[in-house]
Amino acid sequence: MTDEMRPSPTIEDYLAVIYTLDRDGERVIGARLAQSLDVSAPTVTATLKRMERDGWIVFEEDKEIKLTDTGKSIAMSVIRRHMLTEWMLARVLKLPLSEIHREAHQIEHTLSPEVEERLQSEMDDPMFCPHGNPLPGFEDEARHWQPLTNFLPGDQVILRRIHENLENDYDQLFFLENNGLKPGVLIQVEEVLPFNETMQISIDRHPVILGLVLAEQLYVEGPQEKL
């Protein structure tokens, strides 16, 4: 797609969020977009009208928003560019996991299809971003991963994915990274305390207390056999 045909960065952001919400089985409506994008309801309404006019989305009878084929193609492209840029920042510049999403967001809209293709090859055709979220087309590879909150004391699991919902929250990402919670790490569930909405886990015998809201955004594979 040429630069003249590519939508604005704002429209690309909307398309990417719509794609992600739909991928996760959420009903995509204006209010949910306003929450995800942290913008006002009138701004969302005005932007969605332009997107419908330009053929990126359609409204169903119940006001749910669906991507057109063209809109879906653009959404997949911008998400792929974002995730490949994250890998470049992580591998080449050695940026921390907590910083790469924010930096990649500034770059993703400027990449040409040629650079996107080159990055895909140079980064060894990844199926997941550094946070463990699947690139478009590889969603089925992550279907069997479950939220950490689904597991019980004594279970050992492997952290596979930090959900996109957390990627805009630098403080949360820094906390996770500072406590060793990165994709691939082995987690021991120690205690679940519903009354105060926390759970205690350990990583290499290092105890970590997580709020259940945060833990629900951590997707794991398990339980693993205990060593």
C-alpha atoms as a PDB file:
ATOM      1  CA  MET A   1       0.000   0.000   0.000  1.00  0.00           C
ATOM      2  CA  THR A   2       1.353   3.426  -0.956  1.00  0.00           C
ATOM      3  CA  ASP A   3       1.700   6.284   1.530  1.00  0.00           C
ATOM      4  CA  GLU A   4      -1.181   8.063  -0.222  1.00  0.00           C
ATOM      5  CA  MET A   5      -3.494   5.107   0.447  1.00  0.00           C
ATOM      6  CA  ARG A   6      -2.351   4.476   4.022  1.00  0.00           C
ATOM      7  CA  PRO A   7      -4.665   5.900   6.708  1.00  0.00           C
ATOM      8  CA  SER A   8      -3.457   8.394   9.282  1.00  0.00           C
ATOM      9  CA  PRO A   9      -1.651   7.177  12.430  1.00  0.00           C
ATOM     10  CA  THR A  10      -4.819   7.869  14.443  1.00  0.00           C
ATOM     11  CA  ILE A  11      -6.928   5.684  12.158  1.00  0.00           C
ATOM     12  CA  GLU A  12      -4.284   2.957  12.240  1.00  0.00           C
ATOM     13  CA  ASP A  13      -4.426   3.027  16.046  1.00  0.00           C
ATOM     14  CA  TYR A  14      -8.211   2.636  15.986  1.00  0.00           C
ATOM     15  CA  LEU A  15      -8.016  -0.232  13.499  1.00  0.00           C
ATOM     16  CA  ALA A  16      -5.405  -2.041  15.602  1.00  0.00           C
ATOM     17  CA  VAL A  17      -7.460  -1.737  18.783  1.00  0.00           C
ATOM     18  CA  ILE A  18     -10.635  -2.918  17.029  1.00  0.00           C
ATOM     19  CA  TYR A  19      -8.736  -5.935  15.685  1.00  0.00           C
ATOM     20  CA  THR A  20      -7.309  -6.787  19.117  1.00  0.00           C
ATOM     21  CA  LEU A  21     -10.645  -6.470  20.926  1.00  0.00           C
ATOM     22  CA  ASP A  22     -12.389  -8.615  18.326  1.00  0.00           C
ATOM     23  CA  ARG A  23      -9.579 -11.184  18.499  1.00  0.00           C
ATOM     24  CA  ASP A  24     -10.137 -11.489  22.236  1.00  0.00           C
ATOM     25  CA  GLY A  25     -13.879 -12.026  21.787  1.00  0.00           C
ATOM     26  CA  GLU A  26     -14.932  -8.638  23.136  1.00  0.00           C
ATOM     27  CA  ARG A  27     -17.899  -6.761  21.752  1.00  0.00           C
ATOM     28  CA  VAL A  28     -16.460  -3.739  19.968  1.00  0.00           C
ATOM     29  CA  ILE A  29     -18.523  -0.602  20.588  1.00  0.00           C
ATOM     30  CA  GLY A  30     -17.668   3.085  20.843  1.00  0.00           C
ATOM     31  CA  ALA A  31     -17.540   3.161  24.644  1.00  0.00           C
ATOM     32  CA  ARG A  32     -15.033   0.298  24.722  1.00  0.00           C
ATOM     33  CA  LEU A  33     -12.845   2.069  22.194  1.00  0.00           C
ATOM     34  CA  ALA A  34     -12.948   5.290  24.216  1.00  0.00           C
ATOM     35  CA  GLN A  35     -11.737   3.330  27.231  1.00  0.00           C
ATOM     36  CA  SER A  36      -8.980   1.496  25.353  1.00  0.00           C
ATOM     37  CA  LEU A  37      -7.701   4.581  23.536  1.00  0.00           C
ATOM     38  CA  ASP A  38      -8.206   6.948  26.492  1.00  0.00           C
ATOM     39  CA  VAL A  39     -10.131   9.501  24.434  1.00  0.00           C
ATOM     40  CA  SER A  40     -13.524  11.127  24.846  1.00  0.00           C
ATOM     41  CA  ALA A  41     -16.732   9.573  23.573  1.00  0.00           C
ATOM     42  CA  PRO A  42     -17.436  12.473  21.144  1.00  0.00           C
ATOM     43  CA  THR A  43     -13.936  12.091  19.666  1.00  0.00           C
ATOM     44  CA  VAL A  44     -14.498   8.366  19.137  1.00  0.00           C
ATOM     45  CA  THR A  45     -17.884   8.991  17.523  1.00  0.00           C
ATOM     46  CA  ALA A  46     -16.477  11.537  15.089  1.00  0.00           C
ATOM     47  CA  THR A  47     -13.511   9.325  14.189  1.00  0.00           C
ATOM     48  CA  LEU A  48     -15.689   6.255  13.654  1.00  0.00           C
ATOM     49  CA  LYS A  49     -17.956   8.203  11.291  1.00  0.00           C
ATOM     50  CA  ARG A  50     -14.929   9.103   9.168  1.00  0.00           C
ATOM     51  CA  MET A  51     -13.729   5.497   9.259  1.00  0.00           C
ATOM     52  CA  GLU A  52     -17.134   4.258   8.090  1.00  0.00           C
ATOM     53  CA  ARG A  53     -17.191   6.857   5.325  1.00  0.00           C
ATOM     54  CA  ASP A  54     -13.748   5.789   4.130  1.00  0.00           C
ATOM     55  CA  GLY A  55     -14.560   2.092   4.146  1.00  0.00           C
ATOM     56  CA  TRP A  56     -12.417   0.916   7.072  1.00  0.00           C
ATOM     57  CA  ILE A  57     -15.313  -0.250   9.271  1.00  0.00           C
ATOM     58  CA  VAL A  58     -19.019  -1.032   9.198  1.00  0.00           C
ATOM     59  CA  PHE A  59     -21.643  -0.738  11.933  1.00  0.00           C
ATOM     60  CA  GLU A  60     -23.895  -3.704  12.541  1.00  0.00           C
ATOM     61  CA  GLU A  61     -27.541  -3.298  13.601  1.00  0.00           C
ATOM     62  CA  ASP A  62     -26.624  -3.572  17.296  1.00  0.00           C
ATOM     63  CA  LYS A  63     -23.992  -0.795  16.856  1.00  0.00           C
ATOM     64  CA  GLU A  64     -21.114  -3.282  17.100  1.00  0.00           C
ATOM     65  CA  ILE A  65     -18.142  -2.251  14.984  1.00  0.00           C
ATOM     66  CA  LYS A  66     -16.627  -4.629  12.448  1.00  0.00           C
ATOM     67  CA  LEU A  67     -13.578  -4.186  10.251  1.00  0.00           C
ATOM     68  CA  THR A  68     -13.993  -4.368   6.516  1.00  0.00           C
ATOM     69  CA  ASP A  69     -11.541  -6.585   4.646  1.00  0.00           C
ATOM     70  CA  THR A  70      -9.466  -3.518   3.866  1.00  0.00           C
ATOM     71  CA  GLY A  71      -9.626  -2.318   7.450  1.00  0.00           C
ATOM     72  CA  LYS A  72      -8.583  -5.731   8.744  1.00  0.00           C
ATOM     73  CA  SER A  73      -5.641  -5.834   6.367  1.00  0.00           C
ATOM     74  CA  ILE A  74      -4.421  -2.436   7.591  1.00  0.00           C
ATOM     75  CA  ALA A  75      -4.936  -3.441  11.242  1.00  0.00           C
ATOM     76  CA  MET A  76      -2.882  -6.596  10.802  1.00  0.00           C
ATOM     77  CA  SER A  77      -0.147  -4.616   9.072  1.00  0.00           C
ATOM     78  CA  VAL A  78       0.181  -1.949  11.772  1.00  0.00           C
ATOM     79  CA  ILE A  79       0.161  -4.549  14.569  1.00  0.00           C
ATOM     80  CA  ARG A  80       2.825  -6.554  12.743  1.00  0.00           C
ATOM     81  CA  ARG A  81       4.942  -3.426  12.204  1.00  0.00           C
ATOM     82  CA  HIS A  82       4.594  -2.543  15.882  1.00  0.00           C
ATOM     83  CA  MET A  83       5.621  -5.987  17.110  1.00  0.00           C
ATOM     84  CA  LEU A  84       8.548  -6.275  14.698  1.00  0.00           C
ATOM     85  CA  THR A  85       9.742  -2.846  15.817  1.00  0.00           C
ATOM     86  CA  GLU A  86       9.564  -4.041  19.427  1.00  0.00           C
ATOM     87  CA  TRP A  87      11.859  -6.936  18.529  1.00  0.00           C
ATOM     88  CA  MET A  88      14.297  -4.567  16.843  1.00  0.00           C
ATOM     89  CA  LEU A  89      14.373  -2.313  19.906  1.00  0.00           C
ATOM     90  CA  ALA A  90      14.790  -5.269  22.258  1.00  0.00           C
ATOM     91  CA  ARG A  91      17.448  -7.149  20.299  1.00  0.00           C
ATOM     92  CA  VAL A  92      19.438  -4.405  18.624  1.00  0.00           C
ATOM     93  CA  LEU A  93      19.153  -1.529  21.097  1.00  0.00           C
ATOM     94  CA  LYS A  94      18.684  -3.769  24.164  1.00  0.00           C
ATOM     95  CA  LEU A  95      15.828  -1.636  25.507  1.00  0.00           C
ATOM     96  CA  PRO A  96      14.013  -3.035  28.565  1.00  0.00           C
ATOM     97  CA  LEU A  97      10.723  -4.867  28.071  1.00  0.00           C
ATOM     98  CA  SER A  98       8.932  -2.061  29.908  1.00  0.00           C
ATOM     99  CA  GLU A  99      10.033   0.561  27.342  1.00  0.00           C
ATOM    100  CA  ILE A 100       9.770  -1.067  23.941  1.00  0.00           C
ATOM    101  CA  HIS A 101       6.004  -0.694  23.459  1.00  0.00           C
ATOM    102  CA  ARG A 102       6.104   3.046  24.051  1.00  0.00           C
ATOM    103  CA  GLU A 103       9.046   3.540  21.694  1.00  0.00           C
ATOM    104  CA  ALA A 104       7.685   1.219  18.999  1.00  0.00           C
ATOM    105  CA  HIS A 105       4.451   3.196  18.919  1.00  0.00           C
ATOM    106  CA  GLN A 106       6.405   6.240  17.749  1.00  0.00           C
ATOM    107  CA  ILE A 107       8.012   4.304  14.878  1.00  0.00           C
ATOM    108  CA  GLU A 108       5.390   1.822  13.616  1.00  0.00           C
ATOM    109  CA  HIS A 109       3.429   4.301  11.491  1.00  0.00           C
ATOM    110  CA  THR A 110       6.488   5.329   9.471  1.00  0.00           C
ATOM    111  CA  LEU A 111       7.737   1.917   8.330  1.00  0.00           C
ATOM    112  CA  SER A 112       7.455   1.120   4.635  1.00  0.00           C
ATOM    113  CA  PRO A 113       6.306  -2.325   3.455  1.00  0.00           C
ATOM    114  CA  GLU A 114       9.880  -2.973   2.338  1.00  0.00           C
ATOM    115  CA  VAL A 115      11.298  -2.262   5.805  1.00  0.00           C
ATOM    116  CA  GLU A 116       8.515  -4.323   7.389  1.00  0.00           C
ATOM    117  CA  GLU A 117       9.458  -7.276   5.191  1.00  0.00           C
ATOM    118  CA  ARG A 118      13.151  -6.826   5.993  1.00  0.00           C
ATOM    119  CA  LEU A 119      12.447  -6.701   9.719  1.00  0.00           C
ATOM    120  CA  GLN A 120      10.328  -9.851   9.464  1.00  0.00           C
ATOM    121  CA  SER A 121      13.333 -11.668   8.012  1.00  0.00           C
ATOM    122  CA  GLU A 122      15.992 -10.103  10.236  1.00  0.00           C
ATOM    123  CA  MET A 123      14.014 -10.872  13.386  1.00  0.00           C
ATOM    124  CA  ASP A 124      13.700 -14.554  12.324  1.00  0.00           C
ATOM    125  CA  ASP A 125       9.989 -14.516  11.432  1.00  0.00           C
ATOM    126  CA  PRO A 126       8.652 -14.318  15.006  1.00  0.00           C
ATOM    127  CA  MET A 127       5.193 -15.629  15.900  1.00  0.00           C
ATOM    128  CA  PHE A 128       4.997 -13.515  19.081  1.00  0.00           C
ATOM    129  CA  CYS A 129       6.127 -10.074  20.192  1.00  0.00           C
ATOM    130  CA  PRO A 130       8.642  -9.732  23.069  1.00  0.00           C
ATOM    131  CA  HIS A 131       5.682  -9.547  25.493  1.00  0.00           C
ATOM    132  CA  GLY A 132       4.384 -12.863  24.139  1.00  0.00           C
ATOM    133  CA  ASN A 133       1.367 -11.538  22.235  1.00  0.00           C
ATOM    134  CA  PRO A 134       0.760 -13.281  18.899  1.00  0.00           C
ATOM    135  CA  LEU A 135       1.464 -11.560  15.620  1.00  0.00           C
ATOM    136  CA  PRO A 136      -1.582 -11.463  13.326  1.00  0.00           C
ATOM    137  CA  GLY A 137      -2.079 -14.865  11.800  1.00  0.00           C
ATOM    138  CA  PHE A 138      -0.576 -16.738  14.755  1.00  0.00           C
ATOM    139  CA  GLU A 139      -3.437 -16.319  17.233  1.00  0.00           C
ATOM    140  CA  ASP A 140      -4.099 -20.073  17.351  1.00  0.00           C
ATOM    141  CA  GLU A 141      -0.599 -20.638  18.746  1.00  0.00           C
ATOM    142  CA  ALA A 142      -1.672 -18.873  21.959  1.00  0.00           C
ATOM    143  CA  ARG A 143      -5.230 -20.227  22.309  1.00  0.00           C
ATOM    144  CA  HIS A 144      -4.344 -22.810  24.967  1.00  0.00           C
ATOM    145  CA  TRP A 145      -2.594 -20.356  27.291  1.00  0.00           C
ATOM    146  CA  GLN A 146      -4.646 -19.413  30.339  1.00  0.00           C
ATOM    147  CA  PRO A 147      -4.702 -16.511  32.812  1.00  0.00           C
ATOM    148  CA  LEU A 148      -2.478 -17.071  35.835  1.00  0.00           C
ATOM    149  CA  THR A 149      -5.554 -16.666  38.040  1.00  0.00           C
ATOM    150  CA  ASN A 150      -6.871 -20.017  36.744  1.00  0.00           C
ATOM    151  CA  PHE A 151      -4.235 -21.907  38.710  1.00  0.00           C
ATOM    152  CA  LEU A 152      -3.998 -23.107  42.293  1.00  0.00           C
ATOM    153  CA  PRO A 153      -1.337 -23.169  45.025  1.00  0.00           C
ATOM    154  CA  GLY A 154       1.268 -25.777  44.199  1.00  0.00           C
ATOM    155  CA  ASP A 155       0.929 -25.407  40.420  1.00  0.00           C
ATOM    156  CA  GLN A 156       4.029 -24.647  38.374  1.00  0.00           C
ATOM    157  CA  VAL A 157       3.447 -22.784  35.137  1.00  0.00           C
ATOM    158  CA  ILE A 158       5.460 -20.998  32.461  1.00  0.00           C
ATOM    159  CA  LEU A 159       4.701 -17.352  31.741  1.00  0.00           C
ATOM    160  CA  ARG A 160       4.065 -17.018  28.010  1.00  0.00           C
ATOM    161  CA  ARG A 161       2.269 -13.715  27.488  1.00  0.00           C
ATOM    162  CA  ILE A 162       1.809 -10.288  29.049  1.00  0.00           C
ATOM    163  CA  HIS A 163      -1.450  -9.074  27.509  1.00  0.00           C
ATOM    164  CA  GLU A 164      -1.541  -5.962  25.327  1.00  0.00           C
ATOM    165  CA  ASN A 165      -3.789  -4.309  27.926  1.00  0.00           C
ATOM    166  CA  LEU A 166      -0.699  -3.854  30.112  1.00  0.00           C
ATOM    167  CA  GLU A 167       1.665  -2.578  27.449  1.00  0.00           C
ATOM    168  CA  ASN A 168       0.609   1.067  27.864  1.00  0.00           C
ATOM    169  CA  ASP A 169       1.126   0.883  31.627  1.00  0.00           C
ATOM    170  CA  TYR A 170       4.826   1.557  32.140  1.00  0.00           C
ATOM    171  CA  ASP A 171       4.669   1.218  35.929  1.00  0.00           C
ATOM    172  CA  GLN A 172       3.022  -2.210  35.758  1.00  0.00           C
ATOM    173  CA  LEU A 173       5.467  -3.425  33.119  1.00  0.00           C
ATOM    174  CA  PHE A 174       8.431  -2.126  35.124  1.00  0.00           C
ATOM    175  CA  PHE A 175       7.124  -3.929  38.218  1.00  0.00           C
ATOM    176  CA  LEU A 176       6.798  -7.192  36.319  1.00  0.00           C
ATOM    177  CA  GLU A 177      10.203  -6.876  34.700  1.00  0.00           C
ATOM    178  CA  ASN A 178      11.874  -5.853  37.959  1.00  0.00           C
ATOM    179  CA  ASN A 179      10.495  -8.998  39.591  1.00  0.00           C
ATOM    180  CA  GLY A 180      11.612 -11.330  36.816  1.00  0.00           C
ATOM    181  CA  LEU A 181       8.198 -11.783  35.200  1.00  0.00           C
ATOM    182  CA  LYS A 182       9.122 -12.137  31.535  1.00  0.00           C
ATOM    183  CA  PRO A 183       7.872 -14.621  28.935  1.00  0.00           C
ATOM    184  CA  GLY A 184       9.540 -17.989  29.435  1.00  0.00           C
ATOM    185  CA  VAL A 185      10.015 -17.801  33.202  1.00  0.00           C
ATOM    186  CA  LEU A 186       8.866 -20.644  35.488  1.00  0.00           C
ATOM    187  CA  ILE A 187       6.330 -19.579  38.127  1.00  0.00           C
ATOM    188  CA  GLN A 188       5.328 -21.415  41.288  1.00  0.00           C
ATOM    189  CA  VAL A 189       1.859 -20.491  42.583  1.00  0.00           C
ATOM    190  CA  GLU A 190       2.179 -20.249  46.364  1.00  0.00           C
ATOM    191  CA  GLU A 191      -1.058 -18.758  47.668  1.00  0.00           C
ATOM    192  CA  VAL A 192      -4.310 -17.239  46.399  1.00  0.00           C
ATOM    193  CA  LEU A 193      -6.108 -14.788  48.683  1.00  0.00           C
ATOM    194  CA  PRO A 194      -9.499 -13.825  47.200  1.00  0.00           C
ATOM    195  CA  PHE A 195     -10.468 -11.782  50.277  1.00  0.00           C
ATOM    196  CA  ASN A 196      -7.826  -9.157  49.519  1.00  0.00           C
ATOM    197  CA  GLU A 197      -7.649  -9.907  45.784  1.00  0.00           C
ATOM    198  CA  THR A 198      -3.996 -10.956  45.682  1.00  0.00           C
ATOM    199  CA  MET A 199      -1.945 -14.026  44.970  1.00  0.00           C
ATOM    200  CA  GLN A 200       1.600 -14.911  45.922  1.00  0.00           C
ATOM    201  CA  ILE A 201       3.920 -16.568  43.465  1.00  0.00           C
ATOM    202  CA  SER A 202       7.624 -17.321  43.464  1.00  0.00           C
ATOM    203  CA  ILE A 203      10.277 -17.212  40.756  1.00  0.00           C
ATOM    204  CA  ASP A 204      13.528 -18.985  41.629  1.00  0.00           C
ATOM    205  CA  ARG A 205      12.315 -18.843  45.258  1.00  0.00           C
ATOM    206  CA  HIS A 206      11.866 -15.074  45.013  1.00  0.00           C
ATOM    207  CA  PRO A 207       8.382 -14.251  46.355  1.00  0.00           C
ATOM    208  CA  VAL A 208       6.162 -11.848  44.415  1.00  0.00           C
ATOM    209  CA  ILE A 209       2.689 -10.622  45.384  1.00  0.00           C
ATOM    210  CA  LEU A 210       0.357  -9.805  42.500  1.00  0.00           C
ATOM    211  CA  GLY A 211      -3.078  -8.238  42.483  1.00  0.00           C
ATOM    212  CA  LEU A 212      -5.589 -10.564  40.858  1.00  0.00           C
ATOM    213  CA  VAL A 213      -6.482  -7.907  38.280  1.00  0.00           C
ATOM    214  CA  LEU A 214      -2.851  -7.820  37.171  1.00  0.00           C
ATOM    215  CA  ALA A 215      -2.411 -11.602  37.381  1.00  0.00           C
ATOM    216  CA  GLU A 216      -5.426 -12.093  35.103  1.00  0.00           C
ATOM    217  CA  GLN A 217      -3.506 -10.338  32.319  1.00  0.00           C
ATOM    218  CA  LEU A 218      -0.596 -12.799  32.570  1.00  0.00           C
ATOM    219  CA  TYR A 219      -1.137 -15.838  30.362  1.00  0.00           C
ATOM    220  CA  VAL A 220       0.688 -19.028  31.222  1.00  0.00           C
ATOM    221  CA  GLU A 221       1.203 -22.581  30.036  1.00  0.00           C
ATOM    222  CA  GLY A 222       0.852 -25.322  32.578  1.00  0.00           C
ATOM    223  CA  PRO A 223       0.761 -26.851  34.977  1.00  0.00           C
ATOM    224  CA  GLN A 224       4.319 -28.102  34.547  1.00  0.00           C
ATOM    225  CA  GLU A 225       5.719 -31.234  36.144  1.00  0.00           C
ATOM    226  CA  LYS A 226       7.478 -30.391  39.398  1.00  0.00           C
ATOM    227  CA  LEU A 227      11.219 -30.947  39.440  1.00  0.00           C
END
